[in-house]
Amino acid sequence: AEVPIINAGDGGHNHPTQTLTDLLTIVEEKGKLD
């Protein structure tokens, strides 16, 4: 590709933007990630 590619889910492997969603939810609701 000549433009940025975002993996929106590949089989049973990875789903990085869901992970970003999870992390944002945690930090907004719990105030931390540690």
ModelCIF file with pLDDT and N, C-alpha, C, O atoms, coordinates in Angstrom:
data_MODEL
#
_entry.id   MODEL 
#
_entity.id                         1 
_entity.type                       polymer 
_entity.pdbx_number_of_molecules   1 
#
_entity_poly.entity_id                      1 
_entity_poly.type                           'polypeptide(L)' 
_entity_poly.nstd_linkage                   no 
_entity_poly.nstd_monomer                   no 
_entity_poly.pdbx_seq_one_letter_code       AEVPIINAGDGGHNHPTQTLTDLLTIVEEKGKLD 
_entity_poly.pdbx_seq_one_letter_code_can   AEVPIINAGDGGHNHPTQTLTDLLTIVEEKGKLD 
_entity_poly.pdbx_strand_id                 A 
#
loop_
_entity_poly_seq.entity_id 
_entity_poly_seq.num 
_entity_poly_seq.mon_id 
_entity_poly_seq.hetero 
1 1  ALA n 
1 2  GLU n 
1 3  VAL n 
1 4  PRO n 
1 5  ILE n 
1 6  ILE n 
1 7  ASN n 
1 8  ALA n 
1 9  GLY n 
1 10 ASP n 
1 11 GLY n 
1 12 GLY n 
1 13 HIS n 
1 14 ASN n 
1 15 HIS n 
1 16 PRO n 
1 17 THR n 
1 18 GLN n 
1 19 THR n 
1 20 LEU n 
1 21 THR n 
1 22 ASP n 
1 23 LEU n 
1 24 LEU n 
1 25 THR n 
1 26 ILE n 
1 27 VAL n 
1 28 GLU n 
1 29 GLU n 
1 30 LYS n 
1 31 GLY n 
1 32 LYS n 
1 33 LEU n 
1 34 ASP n 
#
_struct_asym.id          A 
_struct_asym.entity_id   1 
#
loop_
_ma_qa_metric.id 
_ma_qa_metric.mode 
_ma_qa_metric.name 
_ma_qa_metric.software_group_id 
_ma_qa_metric.type 
1 global pLDDT . pLDDT 
2 local  pLDDT . pLDDT 
#
_ma_qa_metric_global.metric_id      1 
_ma_qa_metric_global.metric_value   92.50 
_ma_qa_metric_global.model_id       1 
_ma_qa_metric_global.ordinal_id     1 
#
loop_
_ma_qa_metric_local.label_asym_id 
_ma_qa_metric_local.label_comp_id 
_ma_qa_metric_local.label_seq_id 
_ma_qa_metric_local.metric_id 
_ma_qa_metric_local.metric_value 
_ma_qa_metric_local.model_id 
_ma_qa_metric_local.ordinal_id 
A ALA 1  2 96.00 1 1  
A GLU 2  2 96.00 1 2  
A VAL 3  2 98.00 1 3  
A PRO 4  2 98.00 1 4  
A ILE 5  2 98.00 1 5  
A ILE 6  2 97.00 1 6  
A ASN 7  2 95.00 1 7  
A ALA 8  2 94.00 1 8  
A GLY 9  2 88.00 1 9  
A ASP 10 2 87.00 1 10 
A GLY 11 2 76.00 1 11 
A GLY 12 2 66.00 1 12 
A HIS 13 2 72.00 1 13 
A ASN 14 2 78.00 1 14 
A HIS 15 2 86.00 1 15 
A PRO 16 2 91.00 1 16 
A THR 17 2 94.00 1 17 
A GLN 18 2 92.00 1 18 
A THR 19 2 92.00 1 19 
A LEU 20 2 96.00 1 20 
A THR 21 2 96.00 1 21 
A ASP 22 2 96.00 1 22 
A LEU 23 2 97.00 1 23 
A LEU 24 2 98.00 1 24 
A THR 25 2 98.00 1 25 
A ILE 26 2 98.00 1 26 
A VAL 27 2 97.00 1 27 
A GLU 28 2 97.00 1 28 
A GLU 29 2 97.00 1 29 
A LYS 30 2 97.00 1 30 
A GLY 31 2 96.00 1 31 
A LYS 32 2 96.00 1 32 
A LEU 33 2 96.00 1 33 
A ASP 34 2 96.00 1 34 
#
loop_
_atom_site.group_PDB 
_atom_site.id 
_atom_site.type_symbol 
_atom_site.label_atom_id 
_atom_site.label_alt_id 
_atom_site.label_comp_id 
_atom_site.label_asym_id 
_atom_site.label_entity_id 
_atom_site.label_seq_id 
_atom_site.pdbx_PDB_ins_code 
_atom_site.Cartn_x 
_atom_site.Cartn_y 
_atom_site.Cartn_z 
_atom_site.occupancy 
_atom_site.B_iso_or_equiv 
_atom_site.pdbx_formal_charge 
_atom_site.auth_seq_id 
_atom_site.auth_comp_id 
_atom_site.auth_asym_id 
_atom_site.auth_atom_id 
_atom_site.pdbx_PDB_model_num 
ATOM 1   N N  . ALA A 1 1  ? 0.821   -1.212  0.000  1.00 96.00 ? 1  ALA A N  1 
ATOM 2   C CA . ALA A 1 1  ? 0.000   0.000   0.000  1.00 96.00 ? 1  ALA A CA 1 
ATOM 3   C C  . ALA A 1 1  ? 0.854   1.261   0.000  1.00 96.00 ? 1  ALA A C  1 
ATOM 4   O O  . ALA A 1 1  ? 1.955   1.285   0.550  1.00 96.00 ? 1  ALA A O  1 
ATOM 5   N N  . GLU A 1 2  ? 0.331   2.296   -0.621 1.00 96.00 ? 2  GLU A N  1 
ATOM 6   C CA . GLU A 1 2  ? 0.986   3.604   -0.621 1.00 96.00 ? 2  GLU A CA 1 
ATOM 7   C C  . GLU A 1 2  ? 0.286   4.580   0.316  1.00 96.00 ? 2  GLU A C  1 
ATOM 8   O O  . GLU A 1 2  ? 0.608   5.768   0.341  1.00 96.00 ? 2  GLU A O  1 
ATOM 9   N N  . VAL A 1 3  ? -0.672  4.072   1.086  1.00 98.00 ? 3  VAL A N  1 
ATOM 10  C CA . VAL A 1 3  ? -1.336  4.860   2.122  1.00 98.00 ? 3  VAL A CA 1 
ATOM 11  C C  . VAL A 1 3  ? -1.346  4.027   3.404  1.00 98.00 ? 3  VAL A C  1 
ATOM 12  O O  . VAL A 1 3  ? -1.158  2.812   3.337  1.00 98.00 ? 3  VAL A O  1 
ATOM 13  N N  . PRO A 1 4  ? -1.562  4.647   4.573  1.00 98.00 ? 4  PRO A N  1 
ATOM 14  C CA . PRO A 1 4  ? -1.571  3.881   5.825  1.00 98.00 ? 4  PRO A CA 1 
ATOM 15  C C  . PRO A 1 4  ? -2.667  2.814   5.847  1.00 98.00 ? 4  PRO A C  1 
ATOM 16  O O  . PRO A 1 4  ? -3.795  3.049   5.414  1.00 98.00 ? 4  PRO A O  1 
ATOM 17  N N  . ILE A 1 5  ? -2.306  1.639   6.360  1.00 98.00 ? 5  ILE A N  1 
ATOM 18  C CA . ILE A 1 5  ? -3.243  0.526   6.533  1.00 98.00 ? 5  ILE A CA 1 
ATOM 19  C C  . ILE A 1 5  ? -3.511  0.350   8.023  1.00 98.00 ? 5  ILE A C  1 
ATOM 20  O O  . ILE A 1 5  ? -2.583  0.318   8.831  1.00 98.00 ? 5  ILE A O  1 
ATOM 21  N N  . ILE A 1 6  ? -4.787  0.238   8.377  1.00 97.00 ? 6  ILE A N  1 
ATOM 22  C CA . ILE A 1 6  ? -5.193  -0.075  9.747  1.00 97.00 ? 6  ILE A CA 1 
ATOM 23  C C  . ILE A 1 6  ? -5.805  -1.468  9.746  1.00 97.00 ? 6  ILE A C  1 
ATOM 24  O O  . ILE A 1 6  ? -6.741  -1.740  8.993  1.00 97.00 ? 6  ILE A O  1 
ATOM 25  N N  . ASN A 1 7  ? -5.285  -2.339  10.579 1.00 95.00 ? 7  ASN A N  1 
ATOM 26  C CA . ASN A 1 7  ? -5.852  -3.676  10.736 1.00 95.00 ? 7  ASN A CA 1 
ATOM 27  C C  . ASN A 1 7  ? -7.123  -3.573  11.573 1.00 95.00 ? 7  ASN A C  1 
ATOM 28  O O  . ASN A 1 7  ? -7.066  -3.253  12.760 1.00 95.00 ? 7  ASN A O  1 
ATOM 29  N N  . ALA A 1 8  ? -8.262  -3.845  10.954 1.00 94.00 ? 8  ALA A N  1 
ATOM 30  C CA . ALA A 1 8  ? -9.545  -3.811  11.660 1.00 94.00 ? 8  ALA A CA 1 
ATOM 31  C C  . ALA A 1 8  ? -9.977  -5.208  12.090 1.00 94.00 ? 8  ALA A C  1 
ATOM 32  O O  . ALA A 1 8  ? -11.155 -5.458  12.343 1.00 94.00 ? 8  ALA A O  1 
ATOM 33  N N  . GLY A 1 9  ? -8.997  -6.120  12.170 1.00 88.00 ? 9  GLY A N  1 
ATOM 34  C CA . GLY A 1 9  ? -9.261  -7.489  12.600 1.00 88.00 ? 9  GLY A CA 1 
ATOM 35  C C  . GLY A 1 9  ? -8.838  -8.479  11.538 1.00 88.00 ? 9  GLY A C  1 
ATOM 36  O O  . GLY A 1 9  ? -9.321  -8.417  10.407 1.00 88.00 ? 9  GLY A O  1 
ATOM 37  N N  . ASP A 1 10 ? -7.932  -9.402  11.885 1.00 87.00 ? 10 ASP A N  1 
ATOM 38  C CA . ASP A 1 10 ? -7.518  -10.435 10.919 1.00 87.00 ? 10 ASP A CA 1 
ATOM 39  C C  . ASP A 1 10 ? -7.619  -11.811 11.576 1.00 87.00 ? 10 ASP A C  1 
ATOM 40  O O  . ASP A 1 10 ? -6.773  -12.207 12.378 1.00 87.00 ? 10 ASP A O  1 
ATOM 41  N N  . GLY A 1 11 ? -8.677  -12.518 11.209 1.00 76.00 ? 11 GLY A N  1 
ATOM 42  C CA . GLY A 1 11 ? -8.894  -13.858 11.744 1.00 76.00 ? 11 GLY A CA 1 
ATOM 43  C C  . GLY A 1 11 ? -8.897  -13.863 13.255 1.00 76.00 ? 11 GLY A C  1 
ATOM 44  O O  . GLY A 1 11 ? -9.527  -13.008 13.878 1.00 76.00 ? 11 GLY A O  1 
ATOM 45  N N  . GLY A 1 12 ? -8.201  -14.815 13.854 1.00 66.00 ? 12 GLY A N  1 
ATOM 46  C CA . GLY A 1 12 ? -8.096  -14.890 15.315 1.00 66.00 ? 12 GLY A CA 1 
ATOM 47  C C  . GLY A 1 12 ? -6.825  -14.255 15.831 1.00 66.00 ? 12 GLY A C  1 
ATOM 48  O O  . GLY A 1 12 ? -6.385  -14.554 16.941 1.00 66.00 ? 12 GLY A O  1 
ATOM 49  N N  . HIS A 1 13 ? -6.228  -13.378 15.033 1.00 72.00 ? 13 HIS A N  1 
ATOM 50  C CA . HIS A 1 13 ? -4.888  -12.877 15.332 1.00 72.00 ? 13 HIS A CA 1 
ATOM 51  C C  . HIS A 1 13 ? -4.909  -11.601 16.160 1.00 72.00 ? 13 HIS A C  1 
ATOM 52  O O  . HIS A 1 13 ? -4.672  -11.640 17.367 1.00 72.00 ? 13 HIS A O  1 
ATOM 53  N N  . ASN A 1 14 ? -5.196  -10.457 15.512 1.00 78.00 ? 14 ASN A N  1 
ATOM 54  C CA . ASN A 1 14 ? -5.124  -9.167  16.194 1.00 78.00 ? 14 ASN A CA 1 
ATOM 55  C C  . ASN A 1 14 ? -6.321  -8.285  15.855 1.00 78.00 ? 14 ASN A C  1 
ATOM 56  O O  . ASN A 1 14 ? -6.957  -8.437  14.812 1.00 78.00 ? 14 ASN A O  1 
ATOM 57  N N  . HIS A 1 15 ? -6.607  -7.361  16.769 1.00 86.00 ? 15 HIS A N  1 
ATOM 58  C CA . HIS A 1 15 ? -7.649  -6.359  16.540 1.00 86.00 ? 15 HIS A CA 1 
ATOM 59  C C  . HIS A 1 15 ? -7.205  -5.092  17.270 1.00 86.00 ? 15 HIS A C  1 
ATOM 60  O O  . HIS A 1 15 ? -7.779  -4.732  18.298 1.00 86.00 ? 15 HIS A O  1 
ATOM 61  N N  . PRO A 1 16 ? -6.174  -4.410  16.734 1.00 91.00 ? 16 PRO A N  1 
ATOM 62  C CA . PRO A 1 16 ? -5.553  -3.327  17.504 1.00 91.00 ? 16 PRO A CA 1 
ATOM 63  C C  . PRO A 1 16 ? -6.453  -2.141  17.806 1.00 91.00 ? 16 PRO A C  1 
ATOM 64  O O  . PRO A 1 16 ? -6.282  -1.510  18.849 1.00 91.00 ? 16 PRO A O  1 
ATOM 65  N N  . THR A 1 17 ? -7.412  -1.808  16.932 1.00 94.00 ? 17 THR A N  1 
ATOM 66  C CA . THR A 1 17 ? -8.251  -0.647  17.251 1.00 94.00 ? 17 THR A CA 1 
ATOM 67  C C  . THR A 1 17 ? -9.292  -0.974  18.313 1.00 94.00 ? 17 THR A C  1 
ATOM 68  O O  . THR A 1 17 ? -9.757  -0.076  19.015 1.00 94.00 ? 17 THR A O  1 
ATOM 69  N N  . GLN A 1 18 ? -9.667  -2.252  18.441 1.00 92.00 ? 18 GLN A N  1 
ATOM 70  C CA . GLN A 1 18 ? -10.501 -2.626  19.575 1.00 92.00 ? 18 GLN A CA 1 
ATOM 71  C C  . GLN A 1 18 ? -9.699  -2.479  20.860 1.00 92.00 ? 18 GLN A C  1 
ATOM 72  O O  . GLN A 1 18 ? -10.235 -2.083  21.896 1.00 92.00 ? 18 GLN A O  1 
ATOM 73  N N  . THR A 1 19 ? -8.419  -2.800  20.786 1.00 92.00 ? 19 THR A N  1 
ATOM 74  C CA . THR A 1 19 ? -7.557  -2.637  21.951 1.00 92.00 ? 19 THR A CA 1 
ATOM 75  C C  . THR A 1 19 ? -7.437  -1.169  22.346 1.00 92.00 ? 19 THR A C  1 
ATOM 76  O O  . THR A 1 19 ? -7.485  -0.845  23.532 1.00 92.00 ? 19 THR A O  1 
ATOM 77  N N  . LEU A 1 20 ? -7.282  -0.279  21.370 1.00 96.00 ? 20 LEU A N  1 
ATOM 78  C CA . LEU A 1 20 ? -7.256  1.147   21.676 1.00 96.00 ? 20 LEU A CA 1 
ATOM 79  C C  . LEU A 1 20 ? -8.566  1.570   22.339 1.00 96.00 ? 20 LEU A C  1 
ATOM 80  O O  . LEU A 1 20 ? -8.570  2.366   23.278 1.00 96.00 ? 20 LEU A O  1 
ATOM 81  N N  . THR A 1 21 ? -9.675  1.027   21.838 1.00 96.00 ? 21 THR A N  1 
ATOM 82  C CA . THR A 1 21 ? -10.982 1.295   22.446 1.00 96.00 ? 21 THR A CA 1 
ATOM 83  C C  . THR A 1 21 ? -11.010 0.835   23.897 1.00 96.00 ? 21 THR A C  1 
ATOM 84  O O  . THR A 1 21 ? -11.467 1.560   24.780 1.00 96.00 ? 21 THR A O  1 
ATOM 85  N N  . ASP A 1 22 ? -10.519 -0.370  24.133 1.00 96.00 ? 22 ASP A N  1 
ATOM 86  C CA . ASP A 1 22 ? -10.496 -0.918  25.491 1.00 96.00 ? 22 ASP A CA 1 
ATOM 87  C C  . ASP A 1 22 ? -9.648  -0.053  26.422 1.00 96.00 ? 22 ASP A C  1 
ATOM 88  O O  . ASP A 1 22 ? -10.050 0.246   27.546 1.00 96.00 ? 22 ASP A O  1 
ATOM 89  N N  . LEU A 1 23 ? -8.469  0.344   25.939 1.00 97.00 ? 23 LEU A N  1 
ATOM 90  C CA . LEU A 1 23 ? -7.571  1.141   26.768 1.00 97.00 ? 23 LEU A CA 1 
ATOM 91  C C  . LEU A 1 23 ? -8.164  2.508   27.077 1.00 97.00 ? 23 LEU A C  1 
ATOM 92  O O  . LEU A 1 23 ? -8.053  2.994   28.202 1.00 97.00 ? 23 LEU A O  1 
ATOM 93  N N  . LEU A 1 24 ? -8.791  3.128   26.087 1.00 98.00 ? 24 LEU A N  1 
ATOM 94  C CA . LEU A 1 24 ? -9.413  4.435   26.336 1.00 98.00 ? 24 LEU A CA 1 
ATOM 95  C C  . LEU A 1 24 ? -10.541 4.299   27.357 1.00 98.00 ? 24 LEU A C  1 
ATOM 96  O O  . LEU A 1 24 ? -10.684 5.142   28.241 1.00 98.00 ? 24 LEU A O  1 
ATOM 97  N N  . THR A 1 25 ? -11.337 3.243   27.235 1.00 98.00 ? 25 THR A N  1 
ATOM 98  C CA . THR A 1 25 ? -12.420 3.016   28.195 1.00 98.00 ? 25 THR A CA 1 
ATOM 99  C C  . THR A 1 25 ? -11.861 2.860   29.601 1.00 98.00 ? 25 THR A C  1 
ATOM 100 O O  . THR A 1 25 ? -12.383 3.442   30.552 1.00 98.00 ? 25 THR A O  1 
ATOM 101 N N  . ILE A 1 26 ? -10.800 2.075   29.728 1.00 98.00 ? 26 ILE A N  1 
ATOM 102 C CA . ILE A 1 26 ? -10.214 1.830   31.046 1.00 98.00 ? 26 ILE A CA 1 
ATOM 103 C C  . ILE A 1 26 ? -9.661  3.116   31.647 1.00 98.00 ? 26 ILE A C  1 
ATOM 104 O O  . ILE A 1 26 ? -9.928  3.430   32.807 1.00 98.00 ? 26 ILE A O  1 
ATOM 105 N N  . VAL A 1 27 ? -8.890  3.860   30.855 1.00 97.00 ? 27 VAL A N  1 
ATOM 106 C CA . VAL A 1 27 ? -8.253  5.057   31.418 1.00 97.00 ? 27 VAL A CA 1 
ATOM 107 C C  . VAL A 1 27 ? -9.275  6.146   31.715 1.00 97.00 ? 27 VAL A C  1 
ATOM 108 O O  . VAL A 1 27 ? -9.106  6.901   32.672 1.00 97.00 ? 27 VAL A O  1 
ATOM 109 N N  . GLU A 1 28 ? -10.336 6.243   30.909 1.00 97.00 ? 28 GLU A N  1 
ATOM 110 C CA . GLU A 1 28 ? -11.367 7.248   31.165 1.00 97.00 ? 28 GLU A CA 1 
ATOM 111 C C  . GLU A 1 28 ? -12.219 6.879   32.376 1.00 97.00 ? 28 GLU A C  1 
ATOM 112 O O  . GLU A 1 28 ? -12.646 7.757   33.126 1.00 97.00 ? 28 GLU A O  1 
ATOM 113 N N  . GLU A 1 29 ? -12.466 5.598   32.566 1.00 97.00 ? 29 GLU A N  1 
ATOM 114 C CA . GLU A 1 29 ? -13.355 5.159   33.646 1.00 97.00 ? 29 GLU A CA 1 
ATOM 115 C C  . GLU A 1 29 ? -12.620 4.832   34.950 1.00 97.00 ? 29 GLU A C  1 
ATOM 116 O O  . GLU A 1 29 ? -13.170 5.020   36.035 1.00 97.00 ? 29 GLU A O  1 
ATOM 117 N N  . LYS A 1 30 ? -11.384 4.344   34.847 1.00 97.00 ? 30 LYS A N  1 
ATOM 118 C CA . LYS A 1 30 ? -10.623 3.978   36.049 1.00 97.00 ? 30 LYS A CA 1 
ATOM 119 C C  . LYS A 1 30 ? -9.544  4.999   36.382 1.00 97.00 ? 30 LYS A C  1 
ATOM 120 O O  . LYS A 1 30 ? -9.019  5.014   37.495 1.00 97.00 ? 30 LYS A O  1 
ATOM 121 N N  . GLY A 1 31 ? -9.212  5.860   35.408 1.00 96.00 ? 31 GLY A N  1 
ATOM 122 C CA . GLY A 1 31 ? -8.232  6.900   35.664 1.00 96.00 ? 31 GLY A CA 1 
ATOM 123 C C  . GLY A 1 31 ? -6.786  6.463   35.569 1.00 96.00 ? 31 GLY A C  1 
ATOM 124 O O  . GLY A 1 31 ? -5.882  7.245   35.862 1.00 96.00 ? 31 GLY A O  1 
ATOM 125 N N  . LYS A 1 32 ? -6.553  5.220   35.161 1.00 96.00 ? 32 LYS A N  1 
ATOM 126 C CA . LYS A 1 32 ? -5.183  4.706   35.090 1.00 96.00 ? 32 LYS A CA 1 
ATOM 127 C C  . LYS A 1 32 ? -5.164  3.431   34.258 1.00 96.00 ? 32 LYS A C  1 
ATOM 128 O O  . LYS A 1 32 ? -6.207  2.868   33.925 1.00 96.00 ? 32 LYS A O  1 
ATOM 129 N N  . LEU A 1 33 ? -3.943  2.986   33.927 1.00 96.00 ? 33 LEU A N  1 
ATOM 130 C CA . LEU A 1 33 ? -3.756  1.723   33.222 1.00 96.00 ? 33 LEU A CA 1 
ATOM 131 C C  . LEU A 1 33 ? -2.780  0.809   33.972 1.00 96.00 ? 33 LEU A C  1 
ATOM 132 O O  . LEU A 1 33 ? -2.494  -0.301  33.521 1.00 96.00 ? 33 LEU A O  1 
ATOM 133 N N  . ASP A 1 34 ? -2.276  1.274   35.104 1.00 96.00 ? 34 ASP A N  1 
ATOM 134 C CA . ASP A 1 34 ? -1.348  0.492   35.920 1.00 96.00 ? 34 ASP A CA 1 
ATOM 135 C C  . ASP A 1 34 ? -2.076  -0.121  37.122 1.00 96.00 ? 34 ASP A C  1 
ATOM 136 O O  . ASP A 1 34 ? -1.459  -0.817  37.928 1.00 96.00 ? 34 ASP A O  1 
#
